[in-house]
Amino acid sequence: VRLDNRAVPINQSPKYLTTADIAN
C-alpha cells in the first residue's frame, strides 16, 4: 500500500486551485 497526500482546494478560487496544484 502506497500512502500519498493529495491536496484538494476548498473552493474553485484561483488562489486555492493553484495552491493545491503546487502541493500535489
PDB file of all heavy atoms in Angstrom:
ATOM      1  N   VAL A   1       0.854  -1.188   0.000  1.00  0.00           N
ATOM      2  CA  VAL A   1       0.000   0.000   0.000  1.00  0.00           C
ATOM      3  C   VAL A   1       0.890   1.237   0.000  1.00  0.00           C
ATOM      4  O   VAL A   1       1.738   1.399   0.876  1.00  0.00           O
ATOM      5  CB  VAL A   1      -0.936   0.013   1.226  1.00  0.00           C
ATOM      6  CG1 VAL A   1      -1.784   1.286   1.223  1.00  0.00           C
ATOM      7  CG2 VAL A   1      -1.820  -1.221   1.246  1.00  0.00           C
ATOM      8  N   ARG A   2       0.694   2.089  -0.980  1.00  0.00           N
ATOM      9  CA  ARG A   2       1.448   3.337  -1.048  1.00  0.00           C
ATOM     10  C   ARG A   2       0.558   4.474  -0.572  1.00  0.00           C
ATOM     11  O   ARG A   2      -0.525   4.696  -1.109  1.00  0.00           O
ATOM     12  CB  ARG A   2       1.926   3.614  -2.475  1.00  0.00           C
ATOM     13  CG  ARG A   2       2.628   4.969  -2.633  1.00  0.00           C
ATOM     14  CD  ARG A   2       3.080   5.216  -4.051  1.00  0.00           C
ATOM     15  NE  ARG A   2       3.565   6.571  -4.251  1.00  0.00           N
ATOM     16  CZ  ARG A   2       4.774   6.994  -3.914  1.00  0.00           C
ATOM     17  NH1 ARG A   2       5.626   6.161  -3.345  1.00  0.00           N
ATOM     18  NH2 ARG A   2       5.137   8.246  -4.140  1.00  0.00           N
ATOM     19  N   LEU A   3       1.046   5.200   0.437  1.00  0.00           N
ATOM     20  CA  LEU A   3       0.292   6.311   1.000  1.00  0.00           C
ATOM     21  C   LEU A   3       0.748   7.610   0.353  1.00  0.00           C
ATOM     22  O   LEU A   3       1.924   7.965   0.406  1.00  0.00           O
ATOM     23  CB  LEU A   3       0.500   6.374   2.518  1.00  0.00           C
ATOM     24  CG  LEU A   3       0.065   5.143   3.309  1.00  0.00           C
ATOM     25  CD1 LEU A   3       0.393   5.318   4.785  1.00  0.00           C
ATOM     26  CD2 LEU A   3      -1.425   4.880   3.129  1.00  0.00           C
ATOM     27  N   ASP A   4      -0.183   8.310  -0.266  1.00  0.00           N
ATOM     28  CA  ASP A   4       0.102   9.595  -0.900  1.00  0.00           C
ATOM     29  C   ASP A   4      -0.769  10.672  -0.256  1.00  0.00           C
ATOM     30  O   ASP A   4      -1.867  10.398   0.243  1.00  0.00           O
ATOM     31  CB  ASP A   4      -0.176   9.547  -2.399  1.00  0.00           C
ATOM     32  CG  ASP A   4       0.807   8.661  -3.146  1.00  0.00           C
ATOM     33  OD1 ASP A   4       1.966   8.581  -2.709  1.00  0.00           O
ATOM     34  OD2 ASP A   4       0.398   8.030  -4.135  1.00  0.00           O
ATOM     35  N   ASN A   5      -0.261  11.885  -0.299  1.00  0.00           N
ATOM     36  CA  ASN A   5      -1.026  13.037   0.167  1.00  0.00           C
ATOM     37  C   ASN A   5      -1.562  13.795  -1.040  1.00  0.00           C
ATOM     38  O   ASN A   5      -0.805  14.105  -1.973  1.00  0.00           O
ATOM     39  CB  ASN A   5      -0.144  13.965   1.012  1.00  0.00           C
ATOM     40  CG  ASN A   5       0.334  13.289   2.273  1.00  0.00           C
ATOM     41  OD1 ASN A   5      -0.440  12.623   2.940  1.00  0.00           O
ATOM     42  ND2 ASN A   5       1.605  13.448   2.611  1.00  0.00           N
ATOM     43  N   ARG A   6      -2.849  14.074  -1.030  1.00  0.00           N
ATOM     44  CA  ARG A   6      -3.476  14.811  -2.113  1.00  0.00           C
ATOM     45  C   ARG A   6      -4.130  16.068  -1.561  1.00  0.00           C
ATOM     46  O   ARG A   6      -4.979  16.002  -0.661  1.00  0.00           O
ATOM     47  CB  ARG A   6      -4.529  13.947  -2.833  1.00  0.00           C
ATOM     48  CG  ARG A   6      -3.916  12.789  -3.607  1.00  0.00           C
ATOM     49  CD  ARG A   6      -3.010  13.289  -4.723  1.00  0.00           C
ATOM     50  NE  ARG A   6      -2.287  12.203  -5.380  1.00  0.00           N
ATOM     51  CZ  ARG A   6      -1.305  12.368  -6.243  1.00  0.00           C
ATOM     52  NH1 ARG A   6      -0.906  13.605  -6.519  1.00  0.00           N
ATOM     53  NH2 ARG A   6      -0.699  11.343  -6.795  1.00  0.00           N
ATOM     54  N   ALA A   7      -3.728  17.212  -2.097  1.00  0.00           N
ATOM     55  CA  ALA A   7      -4.310  18.483  -1.679  1.00  0.00           C
ATOM     56  C   ALA A   7      -5.534  18.781  -2.530  1.00  0.00           C
ATOM     57  O   ALA A   7      -5.487  18.696  -3.756  1.00  0.00           O
ATOM     58  CB  ALA A   7      -3.283  19.609  -1.816  1.00  0.00           C
ATOM     59  N   VAL A   8      -6.621  19.116  -1.870  1.00  0.00           N
ATOM     60  CA  VAL A   8      -7.880  19.408  -2.558  1.00  0.00           C
ATOM     61  C   VAL A   8      -8.281  20.838  -2.226  1.00  0.00           C
ATOM     62  O   VAL A   8      -8.325  21.219  -1.050  1.00  0.00           O
ATOM     63  CB  VAL A   8      -8.991  18.433  -2.125  1.00  0.00           C
ATOM     64  CG1 VAL A   8     -10.300  18.763  -2.831  1.00  0.00           C
ATOM     65  CG2 VAL A   8      -8.577  16.997  -2.406  1.00  0.00           C
ATOM     66  N   PRO A   9      -8.549  21.671  -3.228  1.00  0.00           N
ATOM     67  CA  PRO A   9      -8.947  23.061  -2.943  1.00  0.00           C
ATOM     68  C   PRO A   9     -10.295  23.114  -2.236  1.00  0.00           C
ATOM     69  O   PRO A   9     -11.201  22.330  -2.529  1.00  0.00           O
ATOM     70  CB  PRO A   9      -9.013  23.703  -4.334  1.00  0.00           C
ATOM     71  CG  PRO A   9      -9.239  22.558  -5.280  1.00  0.00           C
ATOM     72  CD  PRO A   9      -8.520  21.387  -4.681  1.00  0.00           C
ATOM     73  N   ILE A  10     -10.431  24.049  -1.305  1.00  0.00           N
ATOM     74  CA  ILE A  10     -11.684  24.151  -0.548  1.00  0.00           C
ATOM     75  C   ILE A  10     -12.775  24.829  -1.372  1.00  0.00           C
ATOM     76  O   ILE A  10     -13.965  24.725  -1.036  1.00  0.00           O
ATOM     77  CB  ILE A  10     -11.466  24.903   0.777  1.00  0.00           C
ATOM     78  CG1 ILE A  10     -10.933  26.312   0.507  1.00  0.00           C
ATOM     79  CG2 ILE A  10     -10.519  24.135   1.674  1.00  0.00           C
ATOM     80  CD1 ILE A  10     -10.758  27.133   1.781  1.00  0.00           C
ATOM     81  N   ASN A  11     -12.384  25.549  -2.434  1.00  0.00           N
ATOM     82  CA  ASN A  11     -13.362  26.091  -3.383  1.00  0.00           C
ATOM     83  C   ASN A  11     -12.658  26.273  -4.726  1.00  0.00           C
ATOM     84  O   ASN A  11     -11.490  25.901  -4.875  1.00  0.00           O
ATOM     85  CB  ASN A  11     -13.988  27.408  -2.869  1.00  0.00           C
ATOM     86  CG  ASN A  11     -12.929  28.471  -2.586  1.00  0.00           C
ATOM     87  OD1 ASN A  11     -12.002  28.679  -3.374  1.00  0.00           O
ATOM     88  ND2 ASN A  11     -13.066  29.153  -1.450  1.00  0.00           N
ATOM     89  N   GLN A  12     -13.355  26.831  -5.681  1.00  0.00           N
ATOM     90  CA  GLN A  12     -12.825  26.952  -7.036  1.00  0.00           C
ATOM     91  C   GLN A  12     -12.108  28.280  -7.272  1.00  0.00           C
ATOM     92  O   GLN A  12     -11.893  28.675  -8.417  1.00  0.00           O
ATOM     93  CB  GLN A  12     -13.961  26.788  -8.047  1.00  0.00           C
ATOM     94  CG  GLN A  12     -14.604  25.414  -8.010  1.00  0.00           C
ATOM     95  CD  GLN A  12     -13.599  24.300  -8.252  1.00  0.00           C
ATOM     96  OE1 GLN A  12     -12.848  24.337  -9.226  1.00  0.00           O
ATOM     97  NE2 GLN A  12     -13.563  23.324  -7.356  1.00  0.00           N
ATOM     98  N   SER A  13     -11.733  28.945  -6.212  1.00  0.00           N
ATOM     99  CA  SER A  13     -10.989  30.185  -6.352  1.00  0.00           C
ATOM    100  C   SER A  13      -9.621  29.901  -6.980  1.00  0.00           C
ATOM    101  O   SER A  13      -8.988  28.889  -6.668  1.00  0.00           O
ATOM    102  CB  SER A  13     -10.804  30.850  -4.982  1.00  0.00           C
ATOM    103  OG  SER A  13      -9.871  31.905  -5.047  1.00  0.00           O
ATOM    104  N   PRO A  14      -9.133  30.746  -7.878  1.00  0.00           N
ATOM    105  CA  PRO A  14      -7.815  30.512  -8.492  1.00  0.00           C
ATOM    106  C   PRO A  14      -6.696  30.362  -7.472  1.00  0.00           C
ATOM    107  O   PRO A  14      -5.758  29.586  -7.677  1.00  0.00           O
ATOM    108  CB  PRO A  14      -7.614  31.746  -9.376  1.00  0.00           C
ATOM    109  CG  PRO A  14      -8.998  32.223  -9.682  1.00  0.00           C
ATOM    110  CD  PRO A  14      -9.810  31.919  -8.468  1.00  0.00           C
ATOM    111  N   LYS A  15      -6.796  31.097  -6.358  1.00  0.00           N
ATOM    112  CA  LYS A  15      -5.762  31.002  -5.330  1.00  0.00           C
ATOM    113  C   LYS A  15      -5.681  29.597  -4.749  1.00  0.00           C
ATOM    114  O   LYS A  15      -4.598  29.018  -4.637  1.00  0.00           O
ATOM    115  CB  LYS A  15      -6.044  32.015  -4.219  1.00  0.00           C
ATOM    116  CG  LYS A  15      -5.036  31.972  -3.077  1.00  0.00           C
ATOM    117  CD  LYS A  15      -5.326  33.053  -2.039  1.00  0.00           C
ATOM    118  CE  LYS A  15      -6.665  32.812  -1.365  1.00  0.00           C
ATOM    119  NZ  LYS A  15      -6.893  33.774  -0.247  1.00  0.00           N
ATOM    120  N   TYR A  16      -6.823  29.023  -4.406  1.00  0.00           N
ATOM    121  CA  TYR A  16      -6.839  27.693  -3.811  1.00  0.00           C
ATOM    122  C   TYR A  16      -6.535  26.615  -4.848  1.00  0.00           C
ATOM    123  O   TYR A  16      -5.886  25.608  -4.534  1.00  0.00           O
ATOM    124  CB  TYR A  16      -8.191  27.431  -3.149  1.00  0.00           C
ATOM    125  CG  TYR A  16      -8.439  28.291  -1.936  1.00  0.00           C
ATOM    126  CD1 TYR A  16      -9.404  29.289  -1.977  1.00  0.00           C
ATOM    127  CD2 TYR A  16      -7.702  28.125  -0.768  1.00  0.00           C
ATOM    128  CE1 TYR A  16      -9.639  30.101  -0.865  1.00  0.00           C
ATOM    129  CE2 TYR A  16      -7.930  28.923   0.341  1.00  0.00           C
ATOM    130  CZ  TYR A  16      -8.896  29.907   0.291  1.00  0.00           C
ATOM    131  OH  TYR A  16      -9.108  30.702   1.373  1.00  0.00           O
ATOM    132  N   LEU A  17      -6.988  26.811  -6.074  1.00  0.00           N
ATOM    133  CA  LEU A  17      -6.685  25.839  -7.124  1.00  0.00           C
ATOM    134  C   LEU A  17      -5.185  25.776  -7.403  1.00  0.00           C
ATOM    135  O   LEU A  17      -4.607  24.695  -7.549  1.00  0.00           O
ATOM    136  CB  LEU A  17      -7.441  26.207  -8.399  1.00  0.00           C
ATOM    137  CG  LEU A  17      -8.963  25.996  -8.394  1.00  0.00           C
ATOM    138  CD1 LEU A  17      -9.581  26.604  -9.646  1.00  0.00           C
ATOM    139  CD2 LEU A  17      -9.285  24.508  -8.298  1.00  0.00           C
ATOM    140  N   THR A  18      -4.547  26.952  -7.458  1.00  0.00           N
ATOM    141  CA  THR A  18      -3.106  26.996  -7.718  1.00  0.00           C
ATOM    142  C   THR A  18      -2.330  26.386  -6.559  1.00  0.00           C
ATOM    143  O   THR A  18      -1.376  25.623  -6.766  1.00  0.00           O
ATOM    144  CB  THR A  18      -2.661  28.452  -7.936  1.00  0.00           C
ATOM    145  OG1 THR A  18      -3.405  29.006  -9.022  1.00  0.00           O
ATOM    146  CG2 THR A  18      -1.183  28.515  -8.258  1.00  0.00           C
ATOM    147  N   THR A  19      -2.738  26.694  -5.333  1.00  0.00           N
ATOM    148  CA  THR A  19      -2.043  26.154  -4.153  1.00  0.00           C
ATOM    149  C   THR A  19      -2.132  24.638  -4.112  1.00  0.00           C
ATOM    150  O   THR A  19      -1.140  23.944  -3.854  1.00  0.00           O
ATOM    151  CB  THR A  19      -2.639  26.750  -2.876  1.00  0.00           C
ATOM    152  OG1 THR A  19      -2.548  28.178  -2.917  1.00  0.00           O
ATOM    153  CG2 THR A  19      -1.899  26.237  -1.654  1.00  0.00           C
ATOM    154  N   ALA A  20      -3.312  24.094  -4.375  1.00  0.00           N
ATOM    155  CA  ALA A  20      -3.485  22.636  -4.362  1.00  0.00           C
ATOM    156  C   ALA A  20      -2.663  21.978  -5.464  1.00  0.00           C
ATOM    157  O   ALA A  20      -2.063  20.919  -5.266  1.00  0.00           O
ATOM    158  CB  ALA A  20      -4.960  22.283  -4.512  1.00  0.00           C
ATOM    159  N   ASP A  21      -2.618  22.604  -6.635  1.00  0.00           N
ATOM    160  CA  ASP A  21      -1.852  22.044  -7.745  1.00  0.00           C
ATOM    161  C   ASP A  21      -0.353  22.024  -7.429  1.00  0.00           C
ATOM    162  O   ASP A  21       0.328  21.019  -7.695  1.00  0.00           O
ATOM    163  CB  ASP A  21      -2.110  22.859  -9.007  1.00  0.00           C
ATOM    164  CG  ASP A  21      -1.336  22.332 -10.207  1.00  0.00           C
ATOM    165  OD1 ASP A  21      -1.592  21.187 -10.626  1.00  0.00           O
ATOM    166  OD2 ASP A  21      -0.457  23.056 -10.709  1.00  0.00           O
ATOM    167  N   ILE A  22       0.157  23.108  -6.834  1.00  0.00           N
ATOM    168  CA  ILE A  22       1.582  23.149  -6.474  1.00  0.00           C
ATOM    169  C   ILE A  22       1.899  22.108  -5.405  1.00  0.00           C
ATOM    170  O   ILE A  22       2.931  21.414  -5.467  1.00  0.00           O
ATOM    171  CB  ILE A  22       1.960  24.564  -5.995  1.00  0.00           C
ATOM    172  CG1 ILE A  22       1.843  25.556  -7.151  1.00  0.00           C
ATOM    173  CG2 ILE A  22       3.368  24.581  -5.417  1.00  0.00           C
ATOM    174  CD1 ILE A  22       2.096  26.991  -6.748  1.00  0.00           C
ATOM    175  N   ALA A  23       1.016  21.970  -4.409  1.00  0.00           N
ATOM    176  CA  ALA A  23       1.241  20.984  -3.345  1.00  0.00           C
ATOM    177  C   ALA A  23       1.303  19.570  -3.913  1.00  0.00           C
ATOM    178  O   ALA A  23       2.145  18.758  -3.505  1.00  0.00           O
ATOM    179  CB  ALA A  23       0.145  21.093  -2.291  1.00  0.00           C
ATOM    180  N   ASN A  24       0.418  19.260  -4.864  1.00  0.00           N
ATOM    181  CA  ASN A  24       0.422  17.924  -5.466  1.00  0.00           C
ATOM    182  C   ASN A  24       1.657  17.690  -6.334  1.00  0.00           C
ATOM    183  O   ASN A  24       2.153  16.566  -6.446  1.00  0.00           O
ATOM    184  CB  ASN A  24      -0.842  17.717  -6.294  1.00  0.00           C
ATOM    185  CG  ASN A  24      -2.085  17.605  -5.431  1.00  0.00           C
ATOM    186  OD1 ASN A  24      -2.024  17.112  -4.311  1.00  0.00           O
ATOM    187  ND2 ASN A  24      -3.208  18.085  -5.947  1.00  0.00           N
TER     188      ASN A  24
END
